[in-house]
């Protein structure tokens, strides 16, 4: 299933270019166009799921694969440590309504950020 108005669905279809770093049958990972760290990739599901909450209920196996692929991106990038971020809902900063995991690394990650 895809959403014709969704930016990430357009990337999956090849209608919008992205710098792909990893791909599986059900996920796609690519560089963020506005990186917040030296390594900043997004890992998305190829099927359209608006939020991680919906994915967790609808296809928990795919949620597990999404996390495994995020870990593989971090390993492929040679990161000794990394942060995974999933924003769920507009009040949490979600701006693209297609589930995605931010993989961030390559510098120290203090908490809280900023």
C-alpha atoms as a PDB file:
ATOM      1  CA  UNK A   1       0.000   0.000   0.000  1.00  0.00           C
ATOM      2  CA  UNK A   2       1.227   3.482  -0.860  1.00  0.00           C
ATOM      3  CA  UNK A   3       0.030   7.050  -0.436  1.00  0.00           C
ATOM      4  CA  UNK A   4       0.393   9.032  -3.673  1.00  0.00           C
ATOM      5  CA  UNK A   5       0.921  12.289  -1.747  1.00  0.00           C
ATOM      6  CA  UNK A   6       3.574  10.879   0.621  1.00  0.00           C
ATOM      7  CA  UNK A   7       7.176  12.016   0.049  1.00  0.00           C
ATOM      8  CA  UNK A   8       8.637   8.733   1.325  1.00  0.00           C
ATOM      9  CA  UNK A   9       6.292   6.656  -0.847  1.00  0.00           C
ATOM     10  CA  UNK A  10       7.551   8.704  -3.810  1.00  0.00           C
ATOM     11  CA  UNK A  11      11.141   7.888  -2.801  1.00  0.00           C
ATOM     12  CA  UNK A  12      10.283   4.169  -2.605  1.00  0.00           C
ATOM     13  CA  UNK A  13       8.732   4.341  -6.105  1.00  0.00           C
ATOM     14  CA  UNK A  14      11.776   6.193  -7.474  1.00  0.00           C
ATOM     15  CA  UNK A  15       9.809   9.348  -8.301  1.00  0.00           C
ATOM     16  CA  UNK A  16      11.938  11.396  -5.878  1.00  0.00           C
ATOM     17  CA  UNK A  17      15.701  10.883  -5.683  1.00  0.00           C
ATOM     18  CA  UNK A  18      17.465   9.927  -2.482  1.00  0.00           C
ATOM     19  CA  UNK A  19      20.961   8.734  -1.627  1.00  0.00           C
ATOM     20  CA  UNK A  20      20.222   5.131  -0.711  1.00  0.00           C
ATOM     21  CA  UNK A  21      22.587   3.504   1.790  1.00  0.00           C
ATOM     22  CA  UNK A  22      20.789   0.198   2.363  1.00  0.00           C
ATOM     23  CA  UNK A  23      17.765  -1.686   1.081  1.00  0.00           C
ATOM     24  CA  UNK A  24      15.878  -4.844   2.015  1.00  0.00           C
ATOM     25  CA  UNK A  25      12.717  -6.346   0.569  1.00  0.00           C
ATOM     26  CA  UNK A  26      10.579  -4.298   2.961  1.00  0.00           C
ATOM     27  CA  UNK A  27      12.731  -1.311   3.998  1.00  0.00           C
ATOM     28  CA  UNK A  28      14.783   1.457   2.452  1.00  0.00           C
ATOM     29  CA  UNK A  29      17.509   3.555   4.101  1.00  0.00           C
ATOM     30  CA  UNK A  30      18.787   6.838   2.720  1.00  0.00           C
ATOM     31  CA  UNK A  31      20.693   9.949   3.815  1.00  0.00           C
ATOM     32  CA  UNK A  32      18.699  12.733   5.466  1.00  0.00           C
ATOM     33  CA  UNK A  33      18.706  15.913   3.343  1.00  0.00           C
ATOM     34  CA  UNK A  34      19.019  18.042   6.505  1.00  0.00           C
ATOM     35  CA  UNK A  35      21.502  16.058   8.619  1.00  0.00           C
ATOM     36  CA  UNK A  36      21.645  16.692  12.350  1.00  0.00           C
ATOM     37  CA  UNK A  37      24.856  14.671  12.817  1.00  0.00           C
ATOM     38  CA  UNK A  38      27.791  13.579  10.621  1.00  0.00           C
ATOM     39  CA  UNK A  39      25.850  10.375   9.957  1.00  0.00           C
ATOM     40  CA  UNK A  40      22.113  10.881   9.620  1.00  0.00           C
ATOM     41  CA  UNK A  41      20.118   8.320   7.686  1.00  0.00           C
ATOM     42  CA  UNK A  42      16.425   7.524   7.599  1.00  0.00           C
ATOM     43  CA  UNK A  43      15.157   3.958   7.523  1.00  0.00           C
ATOM     44  CA  UNK A  44      11.608   3.635   6.222  1.00  0.00           C
ATOM     45  CA  UNK A  45       9.139   0.893   5.474  1.00  0.00           C
ATOM     46  CA  UNK A  46       8.412   0.406   1.781  1.00  0.00           C
ATOM     47  CA  UNK A  47       4.725   0.040   2.614  1.00  0.00           C
ATOM     48  CA  UNK A  48       2.991   3.161   3.862  1.00  0.00           C
ATOM     49  CA  UNK A  49       2.421   3.165   7.610  1.00  0.00           C
ATOM     50  CA  UNK A  50       1.683   6.658   8.999  1.00  0.00           C
ATOM     51  CA  UNK A  51       3.087   6.086  12.516  1.00  0.00           C
ATOM     52  CA  UNK A  52       5.142   3.589  14.469  1.00  0.00           C
ATOM     53  CA  UNK A  53       2.123   2.973  16.711  1.00  0.00           C
ATOM     54  CA  UNK A  54       0.086   1.823  13.707  1.00  0.00           C
ATOM     55  CA  UNK A  55       2.975  -0.305  12.452  1.00  0.00           C
ATOM     56  CA  UNK A  56       3.454  -1.942  15.856  1.00  0.00           C
ATOM     57  CA  UNK A  57      -0.181  -3.003  15.875  1.00  0.00           C
ATOM     58  CA  UNK A  58      -0.517  -3.821  12.179  1.00  0.00           C
ATOM     59  CA  UNK A  59       2.782  -5.547  11.374  1.00  0.00           C
ATOM     60  CA  UNK A  60       5.041  -6.085  14.399  1.00  0.00           C
ATOM     61  CA  UNK A  61       7.432  -8.248  12.345  1.00  0.00           C
ATOM     62  CA  UNK A  62       8.077  -5.308  10.025  1.00  0.00           C
ATOM     63  CA  UNK A  63       8.709  -3.090  13.039  1.00  0.00           C
ATOM     64  CA  UNK A  64      11.384  -5.549  14.142  1.00  0.00           C
ATOM     65  CA  UNK A  65      12.900  -5.534  10.659  1.00  0.00           C
ATOM     66  CA  UNK A  66      12.914  -1.722  10.664  1.00  0.00           C
ATOM     67  CA  UNK A  67      14.988  -1.764  13.860  1.00  0.00           C
ATOM     68  CA  UNK A  68      17.342  -4.481  12.548  1.00  0.00           C
ATOM     69  CA  UNK A  69      17.935  -2.453   9.388  1.00  0.00           C
ATOM     70  CA  UNK A  70      18.614   0.681  11.444  1.00  0.00           C
ATOM     71  CA  UNK A  71      21.250  -1.248  13.414  1.00  0.00           C
ATOM     72  CA  UNK A  72      22.716  -2.523  10.139  1.00  0.00           C
ATOM     73  CA  UNK A  73      22.960   1.034   8.797  1.00  0.00           C
ATOM     74  CA  UNK A  74      24.867   2.055  11.930  1.00  0.00           C
ATOM     75  CA  UNK A  75      27.221  -0.930  11.498  1.00  0.00           C
ATOM     76  CA  UNK A  76      27.678  -0.224   7.779  1.00  0.00           C
ATOM     77  CA  UNK A  77      28.592   3.373   8.637  1.00  0.00           C
ATOM     78  CA  UNK A  78      31.173   2.181  11.192  1.00  0.00           C
ATOM     79  CA  UNK A  79      29.519   3.939  14.108  1.00  0.00           C
ATOM     80  CA  UNK A  80      30.809   2.996  17.555  1.00  0.00           C
ATOM     81  CA  UNK A  81      27.584   4.344  19.043  1.00  0.00           C
ATOM     82  CA  UNK A  82      24.415   5.764  17.573  1.00  0.00           C
ATOM     83  CA  UNK A  83      21.016   7.178  18.413  1.00  0.00           C
ATOM     84  CA  UNK A  84      17.720   5.966  16.957  1.00  0.00           C
ATOM     85  CA  UNK A  85      14.857   8.469  16.919  1.00  0.00           C
ATOM     86  CA  UNK A  86      11.246   7.828  15.948  1.00  0.00           C
ATOM     87  CA  UNK A  87       8.905  10.814  16.165  1.00  0.00           C
ATOM     88  CA  UNK A  88       5.247   9.842  16.533  1.00  0.00           C
ATOM     89  CA  UNK A  89       2.683  12.587  16.132  1.00  0.00           C
ATOM     90  CA  UNK A  90       3.009  16.256  15.318  1.00  0.00           C
ATOM     91  CA  UNK A  91       3.559  17.234  18.970  1.00  0.00           C
ATOM     92  CA  UNK A  92       6.624  14.936  18.962  1.00  0.00           C
ATOM     93  CA  UNK A  93       8.033  16.493  15.799  1.00  0.00           C
ATOM     94  CA  UNK A  94       6.744  14.078  13.141  1.00  0.00           C
ATOM     95  CA  UNK A  95       6.553  16.014   9.870  1.00  0.00           C
ATOM     96  CA  UNK A  96       6.361  13.185   7.330  1.00  0.00           C
ATOM     97  CA  UNK A  97       3.444  10.843   7.995  1.00  0.00           C
ATOM     98  CA  UNK A  98       5.263   7.673   6.977  1.00  0.00           C
ATOM     99  CA  UNK A  99       7.013   5.732   9.730  1.00  0.00           C
ATOM    100  CA  UNK A 100      10.767   6.288   9.734  1.00  0.00           C
ATOM    101  CA  UNK A 101      13.721   5.812  12.038  1.00  0.00           C
ATOM    102  CA  UNK A 102      16.455   8.430  12.217  1.00  0.00           C
ATOM    103  CA  UNK A 103      19.919   6.853  12.629  1.00  0.00           C
ATOM    104  CA  UNK A 104      22.278   9.493  14.043  1.00  0.00           C
ATOM    105  CA  UNK A 105      25.955   9.176  14.893  1.00  0.00           C
ATOM    106  CA  UNK A 106      29.479  10.260  14.218  1.00  0.00           C
ATOM    107  CA  UNK A 107      29.699  12.713  17.121  1.00  0.00           C
ATOM    108  CA  UNK A 108      28.893  12.779  20.810  1.00  0.00           C
ATOM    109  CA  UNK A 109      25.183  12.784  21.536  1.00  0.00           C
ATOM    110  CA  UNK A 110      24.433  14.669  24.742  1.00  0.00           C
ATOM    111  CA  UNK A 111      21.076  14.424  26.442  1.00  0.00           C
ATOM    112  CA  UNK A 112      19.074  16.498  26.531  1.00  0.00           C
ATOM    113  CA  UNK A 113      19.984  17.690  23.030  1.00  0.00           C
ATOM    114  CA  UNK A 114      21.048  21.232  22.434  1.00  0.00           C
END
